[in-house]
Amino acid sequence: MLPKFLIADNSLERPGKLYVVHTQSPRFILEGSDEDFTQEQELHWIDNVNISEEEITQLITKAEDFIDQELDNQEDLFDNMVN
């Protein structure tokens, strides 16, 4: 079973962008800036959706929370490796 969220990038074709892929229905890819993920966001639907704006907002918030936690974890791992 895949994780609910995945982080992706395509630095050759889209430098400065990060992506959070939601693997469960409704599947989507949330694109944002690698400097501040909440800036310049664009939502790309993989599945056809029939959900409310409130549900969409909740999914985006969960994706933002996920990437924040993952980047913090990566930073902690790097700090522990350096020390």
PDB file of N, CA and C in Angstrom:
ATOM      1  N   MET A   1       0.844  -1.183   0.000  1.00  0.00           N
ATOM      2  CA  MET A   1       0.000   0.000   0.000  1.00  0.00           C
ATOM      3  C   MET A   1       0.888   1.244   0.000  1.00  0.00           C
ATOM      4  N   LEU A   2       0.533   2.184  -0.836  1.00  0.00           N
ATOM      5  CA  LEU A   2       1.294   3.431  -0.922  1.00  0.00           C
ATOM      6  C   LEU A   2       0.980   4.351   0.246  1.00  0.00           C
ATOM      7  N   PRO A   3       1.940   5.199   0.605  1.00  0.00           N
ATOM      8  CA  PRO A   3       1.631   6.238   1.597  1.00  0.00           C
ATOM      9  C   PRO A   3       0.553   7.170   1.047  1.00  0.00           C
ATOM     10  N   LYS A   4      -0.137   7.836   1.943  1.00  0.00           N
ATOM     11  CA  LYS A   4      -1.209   8.740   1.532  1.00  0.00           C
ATOM     12  C   LYS A   4      -0.669   9.929   0.742  1.00  0.00           C
ATOM     13  N   PHE A   5       0.515  10.429   1.119  1.00  0.00           N
ATOM     14  CA  PHE A   5       1.141  11.561   0.442  1.00  0.00           C
ATOM     15  C   PHE A   5       2.568  11.206   0.052  1.00  0.00           C
ATOM     16  N   LEU A   6       3.013  11.751  -1.064  1.00  0.00           N
ATOM     17  CA  LEU A   6       4.386  11.627  -1.531  1.00  0.00           C
ATOM     18  C   LEU A   6       4.893  13.014  -1.930  1.00  0.00           C
ATOM     19  N   ILE A   7       6.193  13.239  -1.778  1.00  0.00           N
ATOM     20  CA  ILE A   7       6.809  14.483  -2.241  1.00  0.00           C
ATOM     21  C   ILE A   7       7.509  14.189  -3.560  1.00  0.00           C
ATOM     22  N   ALA A   8       7.371  15.117  -4.503  1.00  0.00           N
ATOM     23  CA  ALA A   8       8.023  14.967  -5.803  1.00  0.00           C
ATOM     24  C   ALA A   8       8.592  16.304  -6.249  1.00  0.00           C
ATOM     25  N   ASP A   9       9.562  16.214  -7.149  1.00  0.00           N
ATOM     26  CA  ASP A   9      10.049  17.421  -7.805  1.00  0.00           C
ATOM     27  C   ASP A   9      10.481  17.056  -9.220  1.00  0.00           C
ATOM     28  N   ASN A  10      10.698  18.077 -10.014  1.00  0.00           N
ATOM     29  CA  ASN A  10      11.198  17.901 -11.374  1.00  0.00           C
ATOM     30  C   ASN A  10      12.086  19.103 -11.653  1.00  0.00           C
ATOM     31  N   SER A  11      13.257  19.089 -11.027  1.00  0.00           N
ATOM     32  CA  SER A  11      14.117  20.267 -11.024  1.00  0.00           C
ATOM     33  C   SER A  11      14.646  20.647 -12.402  1.00  0.00           C
ATOM     34  N   LEU A  12      14.676  19.719 -13.336  1.00  0.00           N
ATOM     35  CA  LEU A  12      15.136  20.056 -14.682  1.00  0.00           C
ATOM     36  C   LEU A  12      14.086  20.832 -15.471  1.00  0.00           C
ATOM     37  N   GLU A  13      12.836  20.418 -15.375  1.00  0.00           N
ATOM     38  CA  GLU A  13      11.783  21.071 -16.146  1.00  0.00           C
ATOM     39  C   GLU A  13      11.047  22.154 -15.372  1.00  0.00           C
ATOM     40  N   ARG A  14      10.983  22.029 -14.068  1.00  0.00           N
ATOM     41  CA  ARG A  14      10.236  22.987 -13.232  1.00  0.00           C
ATOM     42  C   ARG A  14      11.067  23.383 -12.016  1.00  0.00           C
ATOM     43  N   PRO A  15      12.197  24.059 -12.218  1.00  0.00           N
ATOM     44  CA  PRO A  15      13.011  24.460 -11.068  1.00  0.00           C
ATOM     45  C   PRO A  15      12.228  25.378 -10.140  1.00  0.00           C
ATOM     46  N   GLY A  16      12.465  25.210  -8.854  1.00  0.00           N
ATOM     47  CA  GLY A  16      11.794  26.058  -7.873  1.00  0.00           C
ATOM     48  C   GLY A  16      10.424  25.568  -7.467  1.00  0.00           C
ATOM     49  N   LYS A  17      10.023  24.387  -7.924  1.00  0.00           N
ATOM     50  CA  LYS A  17       8.699  23.849  -7.604  1.00  0.00           C
ATOM     51  C   LYS A  17       8.829  22.521  -6.866  1.00  0.00           C
ATOM     52  N   LEU A  18       7.929  22.304  -5.919  1.00  0.00           N
ATOM     53  CA  LEU A  18       7.771  21.021  -5.241  1.00  0.00           C
ATOM     54  C   LEU A  18       6.334  20.572  -5.437  1.00  0.00           C
ATOM     55  N   TYR A  19       6.122  19.279  -5.309  1.00  0.00           N
ATOM     56  CA  TYR A  19       4.796  18.710  -5.507  1.00  0.00           C
ATOM     57  C   TYR A  19       4.482  17.753  -4.367  1.00  0.00           C
ATOM     58  N   VAL A  20       3.252  17.792  -3.904  1.00  0.00           N
ATOM     59  CA  VAL A  20       2.747  16.789  -2.981  1.00  0.00           C
ATOM     60  C   VAL A  20       1.698  16.004  -3.752  1.00  0.00           C
ATOM     61  N   VAL A  21       1.899  14.692  -3.827  1.00  0.00           N
ATOM     62  CA  VAL A  21       0.989  13.811  -4.544  1.00  0.00           C
ATOM     63  C   VAL A  21       0.112  13.108  -3.523  1.00  0.00           C
ATOM     64  N   HIS A  22      -1.197  13.260  -3.656  1.00  0.00           N
ATOM     65  CA  HIS A  22      -2.164  12.564  -2.803  1.00  0.00           C
ATOM     66  C   HIS A  22      -2.555  11.293  -3.541  1.00  0.00           C
ATOM     67  N   THR A  23      -2.233  10.137  -2.956  1.00  0.00           N
ATOM     68  CA  THR A  23      -2.381   8.860  -3.662  1.00  0.00           C
ATOM     69  C   THR A  23      -3.736   8.186  -3.466  1.00  0.00           C
ATOM     70  N   GLN A  24      -4.538   8.725  -2.553  1.00  0.00           N
ATOM     71  CA  GLN A  24      -5.845   8.122  -2.297  1.00  0.00           C
ATOM     72  C   GLN A  24      -6.938   8.984  -2.931  1.00  0.00           C
ATOM     73  N   SER A  25      -8.075   8.387  -3.149  1.00  0.00           N
ATOM     74  CA  SER A  25      -9.170   9.097  -3.808  1.00  0.00           C
ATOM     75  C   SER A  25      -9.710  10.218  -2.924  1.00  0.00           C
ATOM     76  N   PRO A  26      -9.902  11.387  -3.476  1.00  0.00           N
ATOM     77  CA  PRO A  26      -9.605  11.811  -4.839  1.00  0.00           C
ATOM     78  C   PRO A  26      -8.123  12.154  -4.989  1.00  0.00           C
ATOM     79  N   ARG A  27      -7.501  11.568  -5.994  1.00  0.00           N
ATOM     80  CA  ARG A  27      -6.073  11.777  -6.204  1.00  0.00           C
ATOM     81  C   ARG A  27      -5.823  13.148  -6.822  1.00  0.00           C
ATOM     82  N   PHE A  28      -4.750  13.783  -6.353  1.00  0.00           N
ATOM     83  CA  PHE A  28      -4.374  15.084  -6.894  1.00  0.00           C
ATOM     84  C   PHE A  28      -2.898  15.330  -6.665  1.00  0.00           C
ATOM     85  N   ILE A  29      -2.391  16.341  -7.336  1.00  0.00           N
ATOM     86  CA  ILE A  29      -1.024  16.812  -7.138  1.00  0.00           C
ATOM     87  C   ILE A  29      -1.121  18.290  -6.795  1.00  0.00           C
ATOM     88  N   LEU A  30      -0.518  18.668  -5.670  1.00  0.00           N
ATOM     89  CA  LEU A  30      -0.490  20.061  -5.250  1.00  0.00           C
ATOM     90  C   LEU A  30       0.910  20.599  -5.519  1.00  0.00           C
ATOM     91  N   GLU A  31       0.983  21.613  -6.356  1.00  0.00           N
ATOM     92  CA  GLU A  31       2.239  22.230  -6.751  1.00  0.00           C
ATOM     93  C   GLU A  31       2.442  23.514  -5.963  1.00  0.00           C
ATOM     94  N   GLY A  32       3.666  23.723  -5.494  1.00  0.00           N
ATOM     95  CA  GLY A  32       3.971  24.947  -4.774  1.00  0.00           C
ATOM     96  C   GLY A  32       5.441  25.307  -4.907  1.00  0.00           C
ATOM     97  N   SER A  33       5.793  26.473  -4.432  1.00  0.00           N
ATOM     98  CA  SER A  33       7.161  26.953  -4.484  1.00  0.00           C
ATOM     99  C   SER A  33       8.040  26.187  -3.502  1.00  0.00           C
ATOM    100  N   ASP A  34       9.285  25.918  -3.893  1.00  0.00           N
ATOM    101  CA  ASP A  34      10.185  25.239  -2.960  1.00  0.00           C
ATOM    102  C   ASP A  34      10.689  26.176  -1.863  1.00  0.00           C
ATOM    103  N   GLU A  35      10.519  27.468  -2.028  1.00  0.00           N
ATOM    104  CA  GLU A  35      10.887  28.438  -0.991  1.00  0.00           C
ATOM    105  C   GLU A  35       9.801  28.553   0.076  1.00  0.00           C
ATOM    106  N   ASP A  36       8.563  28.613  -0.353  1.00  0.00           N
ATOM    107  CA  ASP A  36       7.400  28.686   0.543  1.00  0.00           C
ATOM    108  C   ASP A  36       6.268  27.960  -0.169  1.00  0.00           C
ATOM    109  N   PHE A  37       6.034  26.720   0.251  1.00  0.00           N
ATOM    110  CA  PHE A  37       5.105  25.847  -0.470  1.00  0.00           C
ATOM    111  C   PHE A  37       3.705  26.439  -0.595  1.00  0.00           C
ATOM    112  N   THR A  38       3.322  27.310   0.320  1.00  0.00           N
ATOM    113  CA  THR A  38       1.970  27.871   0.269  1.00  0.00           C
ATOM    114  C   THR A  38       1.847  28.972  -0.779  1.00  0.00           C
ATOM    115  N   GLN A  39       2.972  29.381  -1.360  1.00  0.00           N
ATOM    116  CA  GLN A  39       2.958  30.421  -2.387  1.00  0.00           C
ATOM    117  C   GLN A  39       2.867  29.788  -3.777  1.00  0.00           C
ATOM    118  N   GLU A  40       2.175  30.470  -4.651  1.00  0.00           N
ATOM    119  CA  GLU A  40       2.074  30.051  -6.057  1.00  0.00           C
ATOM    120  C   GLU A  40       1.574  28.615  -6.191  1.00  0.00           C
ATOM    121  N   GLN A  41       0.595  28.248  -5.366  1.00  0.00           N
ATOM    122  CA  GLN A  41       0.068  26.879  -5.413  1.00  0.00           C
ATOM    123  C   GLN A  41      -0.854  26.685  -6.608  1.00  0.00           C
ATOM    124  N   GLU A  42      -0.783  25.474  -7.146  1.00  0.00           N
ATOM    125  CA  GLU A  42      -1.702  25.074  -8.198  1.00  0.00           C
ATOM    126  C   GLU A  42      -2.121  23.635  -7.923  1.00  0.00           C
ATOM    127  N   LEU A  43      -3.407  23.390  -8.008  1.00  0.00           N
ATOM    128  CA  LEU A  43      -3.966  22.064  -7.735  1.00  0.00           C
ATOM    129  C   LEU A  43      -4.245  21.365  -9.061  1.00  0.00           C
ATOM    130  N   HIS A  44      -3.714  20.147  -9.206  1.00  0.00           N
ATOM    131  CA  HIS A  44      -3.887  19.351 -10.418  1.00  0.00           C
ATOM    132  C   HIS A  44      -4.641  18.078 -10.025  1.00  0.00           C
ATOM    133  N   TRP A  45      -5.844  17.919 -10.531  1.00  0.00           N
ATOM    134  CA  TRP A  45      -6.650  16.739 -10.203  1.00  0.00           C
ATOM    135  C   TRP A  45      -6.275  15.584 -11.115  1.00  0.00           C
ATOM    136  N   ILE A  46      -6.094  14.418 -10.536  1.00  0.00           N
ATOM    137  CA  ILE A  46      -5.886  13.186 -11.289  1.00  0.00           C
ATOM    138  C   ILE A  46      -7.236  12.515 -11.518  1.00  0.00           C
ATOM    139  N   ASP A  47      -8.073  12.517 -10.482  1.00  0.00           N
ATOM    140  CA  ASP A  47      -9.412  11.940 -10.560  1.00  0.00           C
ATOM    141  C   ASP A  47     -10.438  13.037 -10.810  1.00  0.00           C
ATOM    142  N   ASN A  48     -11.554  12.643 -11.387  1.00  0.00           N
ATOM    143  CA  ASN A  48     -12.688  13.559 -11.450  1.00  0.00           C
ATOM    144  C   ASN A  48     -13.215  13.727 -10.034  1.00  0.00           C
ATOM    145  N   VAL A  49     -13.495  14.967  -9.652  1.00  0.00           N
ATOM    146  CA  VAL A  49     -13.915  15.219  -8.275  1.00  0.00           C
ATOM    147  C   VAL A  49     -15.308  15.811  -8.233  1.00  0.00           C
ATOM    148  N   ASN A  50     -15.992  15.440  -7.199  1.00  0.00           N
ATOM    149  CA  ASN A  50     -17.299  16.000  -6.919  1.00  0.00           C
ATOM    150  C   ASN A  50     -17.377  16.196  -5.407  1.00  0.00           C
ATOM    151  N   ILE A  51     -16.524  17.118  -4.923  1.00  0.00           N
ATOM    152  CA  ILE A  51     -16.475  17.387  -3.492  1.00  0.00           C
ATOM    153  C   ILE A  51     -16.609  18.888  -3.276  1.00  0.00           C
ATOM    154  N   SER A  52     -16.946  19.251  -2.068  1.00  0.00           N
ATOM    155  CA  SER A  52     -17.178  20.655  -1.736  1.00  0.00           C
ATOM    156  C   SER A  52     -15.870  21.433  -1.635  1.00  0.00           C
ATOM    157  N   GLU A  53     -15.985  22.744  -1.695  1.00  0.00           N
ATOM    158  CA  GLU A  53     -14.824  23.617  -1.510  1.00  0.00           C
ATOM    159  C   GLU A  53     -14.201  23.398  -0.130  1.00  0.00           C
ATOM    160  N   GLU A  54     -15.047  23.146   0.868  1.00  0.00           N
ATOM    161  CA  GLU A  54     -14.547  22.887   2.220  1.00  0.00           C
ATOM    162  C   GLU A  54     -13.691  21.629   2.252  1.00  0.00           C
ATOM    163  N   GLU A  55     -14.120  20.576   1.565  1.00  0.00           N
ATOM    164  CA  GLU A  55     -13.344  19.336   1.517  1.00  0.00           C
ATOM    165  C   GLU A  55     -12.030  19.547   0.759  1.00  0.00           C
ATOM    166  N   ILE A  56     -12.068  20.348  -0.296  1.00  0.00           N
ATOM    167  CA  ILE A  56     -10.855  20.660  -1.047  1.00  0.00           C
ATOM    168  C   ILE A  56      -9.865  21.410  -0.148  1.00  0.00           C
ATOM    169  N   THR A  57     -10.373  22.379   0.594  1.00  0.00           N
ATOM    170  CA  THR A  57      -9.534  23.147   1.518  1.00  0.00           C
ATOM    171  C   THR A  57      -8.910  22.228   2.559  1.00  0.00           C
ATOM    172  N   GLN A  58      -9.670  21.281   3.080  1.00  0.00           N
ATOM    173  CA  GLN A  58      -9.150  20.334   4.069  1.00  0.00           C
ATOM    174  C   GLN A  58      -8.038  19.471   3.470  1.00  0.00           C
ATOM    175  N   LEU A  59      -8.216  19.006   2.233  1.00  0.00           N
ATOM    176  CA  LEU A  59      -7.184  18.203   1.576  1.00  0.00           C
ATOM    177  C   LEU A  59      -5.911  19.010   1.354  1.00  0.00           C
ATOM    178  N   ILE A  60      -6.051  20.255   0.936  1.00  0.00           N
ATOM    179  CA  ILE A  60      -4.883  21.113   0.731  1.00  0.00           C
ATOM    180  C   ILE A  60      -4.156  21.347   2.050  1.00  0.00           C
ATOM    181  N   THR A  61      -4.902  21.592   3.110  1.00  0.00           N
ATOM    182  CA  THR A  61      -4.298  21.793   4.435  1.00  0.00           C
ATOM    183  C   THR A  61      -3.528  20.552   4.866  1.00  0.00           C
ATOM    184  N   LYS A  62      -4.091  19.371   4.653  1.00  0.00           N
ATOM    185  CA  LYS A  62      -3.399  18.128   5.014  1.00  0.00           C
ATOM    186  C   LYS A  62      -2.122  17.960   4.194  1.00  0.00           C
ATOM    187  N   ALA A  63      -2.167  18.324   2.914  1.00  0.00           N
ATOM    188  CA  ALA A  63      -0.975  18.235   2.069  1.00  0.00           C
ATOM    189  C   ALA A  63       0.096  19.211   2.549  1.00  0.00           C
ATOM    190  N   GLU A  64      -0.304  20.422   2.909  1.00  0.00           N
ATOM    191  CA  GLU A  64       0.637  21.417   3.428  1.00  0.00           C
ATOM    192  C   GLU A  64       1.247  20.959   4.751  1.00  0.00           C
ATOM    193  N   ASP A  65       0.425  20.400   5.628  1.00  0.00           N
ATOM    194  CA  ASP A  65       0.930  19.881   6.906  1.00  0.00           C
ATOM    195  C   ASP A  65       1.933  18.755   6.668  1.00  0.00           C
ATOM    196  N   PHE A  66       1.616  17.886   5.723  1.00  0.00           N
ATOM    197  CA  PHE A  66       2.508  16.774   5.399  1.00  0.00           C
ATOM    198  C   PHE A  66       3.872  17.280   4.947  1.00  0.00           C
ATOM    199  N   ILE A  67       3.898  18.199   3.993  1.00  0.00           N
ATOM    200  CA  ILE A  67       5.191  18.655   3.481  1.00  0.00           C
ATOM    201  C   ILE A  67       5.969  19.405   4.550  1.00  0.00           C
ATOM    202  N   ASP A  68       5.284  20.170   5.385  1.00  0.00           N
ATOM    203  CA  ASP A  68       5.970  20.856   6.494  1.00  0.00           C
ATOM    204  C   ASP A  68       6.646  19.847   7.415  1.00  0.00           C
ATOM    205  N   GLN A  69       5.927  18.800   7.794  1.00  0.00           N
ATOM    206  CA  GLN A  69       6.480  17.777   8.680  1.00  0.00           C
ATOM    207  C   GLN A  69       7.636  17.036   8.026  1.00  0.00           C
ATOM    208  N   GLU A  70       7.488  16.690   6.760  1.00  0.00           N
ATOM    209  CA  GLU A  70       8.539  15.954   6.062  1.00  0.00           C
ATOM    210  C   GLU A  70       9.806  16.790   5.925  1.00  0.00           C
ATOM    211  N   LEU A  71       9.665  18.065   5.588  1.00  0.00           N
ATOM    212  CA  LEU A  71      10.841  18.923   5.457  1.00  0.00           C
ATOM    213  C   LEU A  71      11.509  19.145   6.809  1.00  0.00           C
ATOM    214  N   ASP A  72      10.711  19.277   7.868  1.00  0.00           N
ATOM    215  CA  ASP A  72      11.278  19.378   9.215  1.00  0.00           C
ATOM    216  C   ASP A  72      12.036  18.099   9.585  1.00  0.00           C
ATOM    217  N   ASN A  73      11.449  16.938   9.262  1.00  0.00           N
ATOM    218  CA  ASN A  73      12.115  15.657   9.546  1.00  0.00           C
ATOM    219  C   ASN A  73      13.424  15.536   8.781  1.00  0.00           C
ATOM    220  N   GLN A  74      13.435  15.951   7.527  1.00  0.00           N
ATOM    221  CA  GLN A  74      14.667  15.894   6.736  1.00  0.00           C
ATOM    222  C   GLN A  74      15.728  16.803   7.330  1.00  0.00           C
ATOM    223  N   GLU A  75      15.320  17.982   7.765  1.00  0.00           N
ATOM    224  CA  GLU A  75      16.242  18.914   8.380  1.00  0.00           C
ATOM    225  C   GLU A  75      16.828  18.329   9.665  1.00  0.00           C
ATOM    226  N   ASP A  76      15.981  17.704  10.485  1.00  0.00           N
ATOM    227  CA  ASP A  76      16.444  17.068  11.722  1.00  0.00           C
ATOM    228  C   ASP A  76      17.430  15.942  11.427  1.00  0.00           C
ATOM    229  N   LEU A  77      17.116  15.116  10.407  1.00  0.00           N
ATOM    230  CA  LEU A  77      18.017  14.027  10.046  1.00  0.00           C
ATOM    231  C   LEU A  77      19.364  14.569   9.587  1.00  0.00           C
ATOM    232  N   PHE A  78      19.346  15.618   8.788  1.00  0.00           N
ATOM    233  CA  PHE A  78      20.587  16.219   8.311  1.00  0.00           C
ATOM    234  C   PHE A  78      21.393  16.781   9.483  1.00  0.00           C
ATOM    235  N   ASP A  79      20.707  17.484  10.393  1.00  0.00           N
ATOM    236  CA  ASP A  79      21.391  18.040  11.564  1.00  0.00           C
ATOM    237  C   ASP A  79      22.029  16.942  12.401  1.00  0.00           C
ATOM    238  N   ASN A  80      21.338  15.820  12.588  1.00  0.00           N
ATOM    239  CA  ASN A  80      21.874  14.702  13.365  1.00  0.00           C
ATOM    240  C   ASN A  80      23.064  14.049  12.672  1.00  0.00           C
ATOM    241  N   MET A  81      23.072  14.025  11.353  1.00  0.00           N
ATOM    242  CA  MET A  81      24.182  13.443  10.614  1.00  0.00           C
ATOM    243  C   MET A  81      25.421  14.338  10.715  1.00  0.00           C
ATOM    244  N   VAL A  82      25.218  15.647  10.738  1.00  0.00           N
ATOM    245  CA  VAL A  82      26.322  16.596  10.784  1.00  0.00           C
ATOM    246  C   VAL A  82      26.944  16.623  12.167  1.00  0.00           C
ATOM    247  N   ASN A  83      26.123  16.521  13.196  1.00  0.00           N
ATOM    248  CA  ASN A  83      26.621  16.581  14.579  1.00  0.00           C
ATOM    249  C   ASN A  83      27.164  15.277  14.955  1.00  0.00           C
TER     250      ASN A  83
END
